[in-house]
Each structure stands twice: as structure tokens, then as C-alpha cells.
Amino acid sequence: MGQVTVRVNGYTHTIGCKDGEEQHVRDLVASIDAKVGLIRQMGGQFSEARMLLHVALLLADELGDLKIDMMRRENGEPPPVPAPTADPRLAERLARIAERIEGIATSLERP
């Protein structure tokens, strides 16, 4: 059984994995840490749990988009036109996602 020690948001974690999958785990963690960086750039102070909730929602949103794209392709629809590398709506979309996350977090904090 392999193990990988990784850092996310400045915290060190040891992750177990199958032998030979260590680099894959490192790549996944790099993706997660990149999302943490995005959220931190938006400002605001978040607990570790809330930060990781935001990351999970961003990744779930991306996964949902990919599933929609796959379903469209399976149905014979043309692939969507790739977004420009600098999407001016990205900040607005992230702000809307952050607002939804804050609403969820607030409801979870209520007794």
C-alpha cells in the first residue's frame, strides 16, 4: 500500500493509495490546491472546512459541466465552442458560486 504526503492550503496530509498511484494522487492534490488558491484570491476568511467545501463545490460544478458535455456528444450534438482562455464572466460565476456556498454554510451553522 502506497502513501503520499501532500500539502493543501498549507496543511500537510498523508494519503494512502495503491502502489504506483502516488503521482496520480499528487496530481489530484495539485488540482485541489489550485482551487484553494482561486478561492483565497477572492478574499475573505474561511475556516479549513469551509474552504474545502468551496473547493468541493467548484470541482462538482466542473464535473457537472463535463457530464453535460459528454451527454451532448453521446446524443450527437456538436461539442461546445471552447471558451476563450480569459473568460471575463469567470469572476461573476465564481462570485455566484461563492454566494451559494455562503448560503449553504450559513444554513449549516444554524443550531
N, C-alpha and C. Protein backbone atom coordinates (compact mmCIF):
# COMPACT_ATOMS: atom_id res chain seq x y z
N MET A 1 0.85 -1.17 0.00
CA MET A 1 0.00 0.00 0.00
C MET A 1 0.90 1.24 0.00
N GLY A 2 0.70 2.11 -0.98
CA GLY A 2 1.49 3.32 -1.07
C GLY A 2 0.96 4.42 -0.17
N GLN A 3 1.79 5.38 0.10
CA GLN A 3 1.41 6.56 0.86
C GLN A 3 2.05 7.77 0.23
N VAL A 4 1.33 8.87 0.26
CA VAL A 4 1.83 10.12 -0.28
C VAL A 4 1.59 11.20 0.77
N THR A 5 2.59 12.01 1.02
CA THR A 5 2.41 13.16 1.89
C THR A 5 2.27 14.38 1.00
N VAL A 6 1.18 15.12 1.19
CA VAL A 6 0.85 16.26 0.34
C VAL A 6 0.51 17.47 1.21
N ARG A 7 0.51 18.64 0.57
CA ARG A 7 0.12 19.87 1.26
C ARG A 7 -1.05 20.50 0.53
N VAL A 8 -2.07 20.86 1.29
CA VAL A 8 -3.22 21.59 0.76
C VAL A 8 -3.47 22.76 1.68
N ASN A 9 -3.48 23.95 1.12
CA ASN A 9 -3.74 25.17 1.88
C ASN A 9 -2.77 25.30 3.06
N GLY A 10 -1.54 24.84 2.86
CA GLY A 10 -0.53 24.96 3.89
C GLY A 10 -0.52 23.85 4.92
N TYR A 11 -1.46 22.92 4.83
CA TYR A 11 -1.55 21.83 5.79
C TYR A 11 -1.05 20.54 5.14
N THR A 12 -0.30 19.76 5.90
CA THR A 12 0.25 18.50 5.41
C THR A 12 -0.70 17.36 5.74
N HIS A 13 -0.89 16.47 4.76
CA HIS A 13 -1.76 15.31 4.93
C HIS A 13 -1.06 14.09 4.34
N THR A 14 -1.23 12.95 4.96
CA THR A 14 -0.72 11.70 4.42
C THR A 14 -1.91 10.93 3.85
N ILE A 15 -1.79 10.54 2.59
CA ILE A 15 -2.87 9.89 1.87
C ILE A 15 -2.42 8.49 1.48
N GLY A 16 -3.25 7.51 1.77
CA GLY A 16 -2.97 6.15 1.33
C GLY A 16 -3.48 5.94 -0.09
N CYS A 17 -2.78 5.10 -0.85
CA CYS A 17 -3.19 4.81 -2.22
C CYS A 17 -2.59 3.47 -2.63
N LYS A 18 -3.01 2.97 -3.77
CA LYS A 18 -2.43 1.74 -4.29
C LYS A 18 -1.00 2.02 -4.73
N ASP A 19 -0.16 1.02 -4.63
CA ASP A 19 1.21 1.16 -5.11
C ASP A 19 1.19 1.59 -6.58
N GLY A 20 2.00 2.55 -6.91
CA GLY A 20 2.08 3.04 -8.28
C GLY A 20 1.16 4.20 -8.58
N GLU A 21 0.23 4.52 -7.68
CA GLU A 21 -0.71 5.61 -7.91
C GLU A 21 -0.30 6.91 -7.22
N GLU A 22 0.90 6.92 -6.68
CA GLU A 22 1.35 8.08 -5.91
C GLU A 22 1.33 9.37 -6.75
N GLN A 23 1.83 9.31 -7.97
CA GLN A 23 1.85 10.52 -8.80
C GLN A 23 0.45 10.98 -9.15
N HIS A 24 -0.44 10.04 -9.38
CA HIS A 24 -1.84 10.39 -9.66
C HIS A 24 -2.44 11.15 -8.48
N VAL A 25 -2.18 10.67 -7.27
CA VAL A 25 -2.69 11.36 -6.07
C VAL A 25 -2.09 12.76 -5.99
N ARG A 26 -0.79 12.89 -6.26
CA ARG A 26 -0.15 14.21 -6.24
C ARG A 26 -0.81 15.15 -7.26
N ASP A 27 -1.13 14.62 -8.44
CA ASP A 27 -1.78 15.43 -9.47
C ASP A 27 -3.17 15.89 -9.02
N LEU A 28 -3.92 14.98 -8.39
CA LEU A 28 -5.24 15.34 -7.88
C LEU A 28 -5.14 16.43 -6.81
N VAL A 29 -4.17 16.26 -5.92
CA VAL A 29 -3.98 17.24 -4.85
C VAL A 29 -3.57 18.59 -5.43
N ALA A 30 -2.76 18.58 -6.48
CA ALA A 30 -2.37 19.83 -7.12
C ALA A 30 -3.59 20.56 -7.68
N SER A 31 -4.55 19.80 -8.23
CA SER A 31 -5.79 20.40 -8.74
C SER A 31 -6.59 21.01 -7.60
N ILE A 32 -6.68 20.30 -6.49
CA ILE A 32 -7.40 20.80 -5.33
C ILE A 32 -6.74 22.05 -4.78
N ASP A 33 -5.42 22.02 -4.66
CA ASP A 33 -4.71 23.17 -4.11
C ASP A 33 -4.83 24.38 -5.04
N ALA A 34 -4.92 24.15 -6.35
CA ALA A 34 -5.13 25.26 -7.29
C ALA A 34 -6.48 25.92 -7.04
N LYS A 35 -7.50 25.12 -6.75
CA LYS A 35 -8.83 25.67 -6.43
C LYS A 35 -8.78 26.45 -5.11
N VAL A 36 -8.04 25.94 -4.15
CA VAL A 36 -7.86 26.67 -2.89
C VAL A 36 -7.26 28.04 -3.18
N GLY A 37 -6.26 28.07 -4.05
CA GLY A 37 -5.64 29.35 -4.42
C GLY A 37 -6.63 30.30 -5.06
N LEU A 38 -7.50 29.77 -5.92
CA LEU A 38 -8.52 30.61 -6.56
C LEU A 38 -9.44 31.24 -5.52
N ILE A 39 -9.88 30.42 -4.58
CA ILE A 39 -10.81 30.91 -3.55
C ILE A 39 -10.12 31.93 -2.66
N ARG A 40 -8.87 31.67 -2.32
CA ARG A 40 -8.13 32.62 -1.47
C ARG A 40 -7.96 33.97 -2.17
N GLN A 41 -7.79 33.94 -3.50
CA GLN A 41 -7.65 35.18 -4.25
C GLN A 41 -8.92 36.02 -4.22
N MET A 42 -10.06 35.36 -4.01
CA MET A 42 -11.33 36.08 -3.95
C MET A 42 -11.46 36.87 -2.66
N GLY A 43 -10.61 36.58 -1.70
CA GLY A 43 -10.64 37.29 -0.44
C GLY A 43 -11.56 36.61 0.56
N GLY A 44 -11.64 37.20 1.72
CA GLY A 44 -12.46 36.62 2.77
C GLY A 44 -11.69 35.62 3.60
N GLN A 45 -12.12 35.44 4.82
CA GLN A 45 -11.50 34.49 5.73
C GLN A 45 -12.42 33.28 5.85
N PHE A 46 -11.86 32.11 5.62
CA PHE A 46 -12.64 30.89 5.69
C PHE A 46 -11.96 29.91 6.64
N SER A 47 -12.78 29.15 7.34
CA SER A 47 -12.23 28.04 8.11
C SER A 47 -11.76 26.98 7.12
N GLU A 48 -10.95 26.06 7.59
CA GLU A 48 -10.47 25.00 6.71
C GLU A 48 -11.63 24.20 6.12
N ALA A 49 -12.62 23.90 6.95
CA ALA A 49 -13.77 23.13 6.47
C ALA A 49 -14.54 23.91 5.40
N ARG A 50 -14.75 25.18 5.62
CA ARG A 50 -15.49 25.99 4.64
C ARG A 50 -14.68 26.12 3.35
N MET A 51 -13.37 26.29 3.48
CA MET A 51 -12.52 26.39 2.30
C MET A 51 -12.64 25.13 1.46
N LEU A 52 -12.57 23.96 2.10
CA LEU A 52 -12.66 22.71 1.37
C LEU A 52 -14.06 22.48 0.81
N LEU A 53 -15.09 23.01 1.48
CA LEU A 53 -16.44 22.95 0.93
C LEU A 53 -16.51 23.75 -0.36
N HIS A 54 -15.92 24.93 -0.36
CA HIS A 54 -15.87 25.75 -1.58
C HIS A 54 -15.15 25.01 -2.70
N VAL A 55 -14.03 24.40 -2.38
CA VAL A 55 -13.27 23.63 -3.37
C VAL A 55 -14.13 22.50 -3.91
N ALA A 56 -14.80 21.77 -3.04
CA ALA A 56 -15.64 20.65 -3.47
C ALA A 56 -16.74 21.14 -4.40
N LEU A 57 -17.34 22.27 -4.10
CA LEU A 57 -18.40 22.79 -4.96
C LEU A 57 -17.86 23.22 -6.32
N LEU A 58 -16.69 23.84 -6.35
CA LEU A 58 -16.08 24.20 -7.63
C LEU A 58 -15.80 22.96 -8.47
N LEU A 59 -15.25 21.93 -7.84
CA LEU A 59 -14.96 20.69 -8.57
C LEU A 59 -16.24 20.00 -9.02
N ALA A 60 -17.27 20.01 -8.17
CA ALA A 60 -18.55 19.41 -8.55
C ALA A 60 -19.18 20.17 -9.71
N ASP A 61 -19.03 21.48 -9.73
CA ASP A 61 -19.55 22.30 -10.83
C ASP A 61 -18.84 21.93 -12.13
N GLU A 62 -17.53 21.80 -12.08
CA GLU A 62 -16.77 21.40 -13.26
C GLU A 62 -17.19 20.00 -13.73
N LEU A 63 -17.35 19.08 -12.79
CA LEU A 63 -17.77 17.73 -13.13
C LEU A 63 -19.14 17.74 -13.79
N GLY A 64 -20.05 18.54 -13.27
CA GLY A 64 -21.38 18.66 -13.86
C GLY A 64 -21.31 19.16 -15.29
N ASP A 65 -20.47 20.17 -15.54
CA ASP A 65 -20.28 20.68 -16.90
C ASP A 65 -19.75 19.59 -17.83
N LEU A 66 -18.79 18.81 -17.34
CA LEU A 66 -18.22 17.73 -18.16
C LEU A 66 -19.27 16.66 -18.47
N LYS A 67 -20.11 16.34 -17.50
CA LYS A 67 -21.16 15.34 -17.73
C LYS A 67 -22.14 15.83 -18.79
N ILE A 68 -22.51 17.11 -18.73
CA ILE A 68 -23.41 17.68 -19.73
C ILE A 68 -22.77 17.60 -21.11
N ASP A 69 -21.49 17.95 -21.20
CA ASP A 69 -20.77 17.87 -22.48
C ASP A 69 -20.76 16.43 -23.01
N MET A 70 -20.52 15.47 -22.13
CA MET A 70 -20.49 14.07 -22.56
C MET A 70 -21.87 13.61 -23.06
N MET A 71 -22.92 14.00 -22.35
CA MET A 71 -24.27 13.62 -22.77
C MET A 71 -24.59 14.23 -24.14
N ARG A 72 -24.18 15.47 -24.35
CA ARG A 72 -24.43 16.12 -25.64
C ARG A 72 -23.72 15.38 -26.76
N ARG A 73 -22.48 14.99 -26.51
CA ARG A 73 -21.72 14.27 -27.53
C ARG A 73 -22.33 12.91 -27.81
N GLU A 74 -22.79 12.23 -26.75
CA GLU A 74 -23.42 10.92 -26.94
C GLU A 74 -24.70 11.04 -27.75
N ASN A 75 -25.37 12.20 -27.66
CA ASN A 75 -26.60 12.43 -28.40
C ASN A 75 -26.34 13.02 -29.79
N GLY A 76 -25.07 13.09 -30.17
CA GLY A 76 -24.72 13.57 -31.50
C GLY A 76 -24.68 15.07 -31.65
N GLU A 77 -24.79 15.80 -30.57
CA GLU A 77 -24.72 17.25 -30.65
C GLU A 77 -23.26 17.66 -30.85
N PRO A 78 -23.05 18.77 -31.54
CA PRO A 78 -21.66 19.21 -31.72
C PRO A 78 -21.06 19.65 -30.39
N PRO A 79 -19.75 19.48 -30.24
CA PRO A 79 -19.13 19.93 -28.99
C PRO A 79 -19.26 21.43 -28.85
N PRO A 80 -19.33 21.91 -27.61
CA PRO A 80 -19.44 23.36 -27.41
C PRO A 80 -18.17 24.06 -27.89
N VAL A 81 -18.34 25.29 -28.26
CA VAL A 81 -17.20 26.09 -28.68
C VAL A 81 -16.34 26.35 -27.45
N PRO A 82 -15.03 26.09 -27.53
CA PRO A 82 -14.18 26.31 -26.36
C PRO A 82 -14.23 27.77 -25.91
N ALA A 83 -14.27 27.95 -24.62
CA ALA A 83 -14.27 29.30 -24.05
C ALA A 83 -12.90 29.93 -24.26
N PRO A 84 -12.87 31.24 -24.43
CA PRO A 84 -11.57 31.89 -24.54
C PRO A 84 -10.77 31.67 -23.25
N THR A 85 -9.47 31.76 -23.37
CA THR A 85 -8.63 31.49 -22.20
C THR A 85 -8.90 32.46 -21.06
N ALA A 86 -9.23 33.68 -21.36
CA ALA A 86 -9.53 34.65 -20.31
C ALA A 86 -11.02 34.97 -20.37
N ASP A 87 -11.82 34.22 -19.64
CA ASP A 87 -13.27 34.40 -19.65
C ASP A 87 -13.64 35.54 -18.70
N PRO A 88 -14.15 36.66 -19.24
CA PRO A 88 -14.50 37.78 -18.37
C PRO A 88 -15.65 37.47 -17.42
N ARG A 89 -16.42 36.43 -17.72
CA ARG A 89 -17.54 36.07 -16.84
C ARG A 89 -17.12 35.16 -15.70
N LEU A 90 -15.85 34.72 -15.71
CA LEU A 90 -15.39 33.80 -14.68
C LEU A 90 -15.53 34.38 -13.28
N ALA A 91 -15.13 35.61 -13.10
CA ALA A 91 -15.23 36.23 -11.77
C ALA A 91 -16.68 36.31 -11.32
N GLU A 92 -17.59 36.65 -12.23
CA GLU A 92 -19.01 36.70 -11.88
C GLU A 92 -19.53 35.32 -11.50
N ARG A 93 -19.14 34.32 -12.27
CA ARG A 93 -19.58 32.96 -11.97
C ARG A 93 -19.06 32.48 -10.63
N LEU A 94 -17.78 32.76 -10.37
CA LEU A 94 -17.20 32.37 -9.09
C LEU A 94 -17.88 33.12 -7.94
N ALA A 95 -18.22 34.37 -8.16
CA ALA A 95 -18.90 35.14 -7.11
C ALA A 95 -20.27 34.53 -6.82
N ARG A 96 -21.00 34.13 -7.87
CA ARG A 96 -22.32 33.49 -7.66
C ARG A 96 -22.16 32.17 -6.92
N ILE A 97 -21.16 31.40 -7.31
CA ILE A 97 -20.91 30.12 -6.62
C ILE A 97 -20.56 30.38 -5.16
N ALA A 98 -19.72 31.38 -4.92
CA ALA A 98 -19.34 31.72 -3.54
C ALA A 98 -20.57 32.13 -2.72
N GLU A 99 -21.48 32.88 -3.33
CA GLU A 99 -22.69 33.28 -2.62
C GLU A 99 -23.53 32.06 -2.26
N ARG A 100 -23.64 31.13 -3.20
CA ARG A 100 -24.40 29.90 -2.91
C ARG A 100 -23.74 29.12 -1.79
N ILE A 101 -22.43 29.05 -1.83
CA ILE A 101 -21.68 28.33 -0.80
C ILE A 101 -21.89 28.99 0.55
N GLU A 102 -21.81 30.31 0.58
CA GLU A 102 -22.02 31.03 1.83
C GLU A 102 -23.42 30.76 2.39
N GLY A 103 -24.42 30.72 1.51
CA GLY A 103 -25.78 30.41 1.95
C GLY A 103 -25.88 29.02 2.55
N ILE A 104 -25.24 28.06 1.92
CA ILE A 104 -25.23 26.69 2.44
C ILE A 104 -24.50 26.64 3.78
N ALA A 105 -23.34 27.29 3.84
CA ALA A 105 -22.56 27.29 5.07
C ALA A 105 -23.34 27.95 6.21
N THR A 106 -24.02 29.04 5.91
CA THR A 106 -24.81 29.73 6.94
C THR A 106 -25.91 28.83 7.46
N SER A 107 -26.59 28.13 6.54
CA SER A 107 -27.67 27.24 6.99
C SER A 107 -27.13 26.07 7.81
N LEU A 108 -25.91 25.64 7.52
CA LEU A 108 -25.31 24.53 8.28
C LEU A 108 -24.88 24.99 9.67
N GLU A 109 -24.56 26.28 9.81
CA GLU A 109 -24.11 26.78 11.10
C GLU A 109 -25.25 27.03 12.07
N ARG A 110 -26.47 27.12 11.57
CA ARG A 110 -27.63 27.37 12.45
C ARG A 110 -27.87 26.15 13.33
N PRO A 111 -28.23 26.41 14.61
CA PRO A 111 -28.47 25.28 15.52
C PRO A 111 -29.70 24.47 15.15
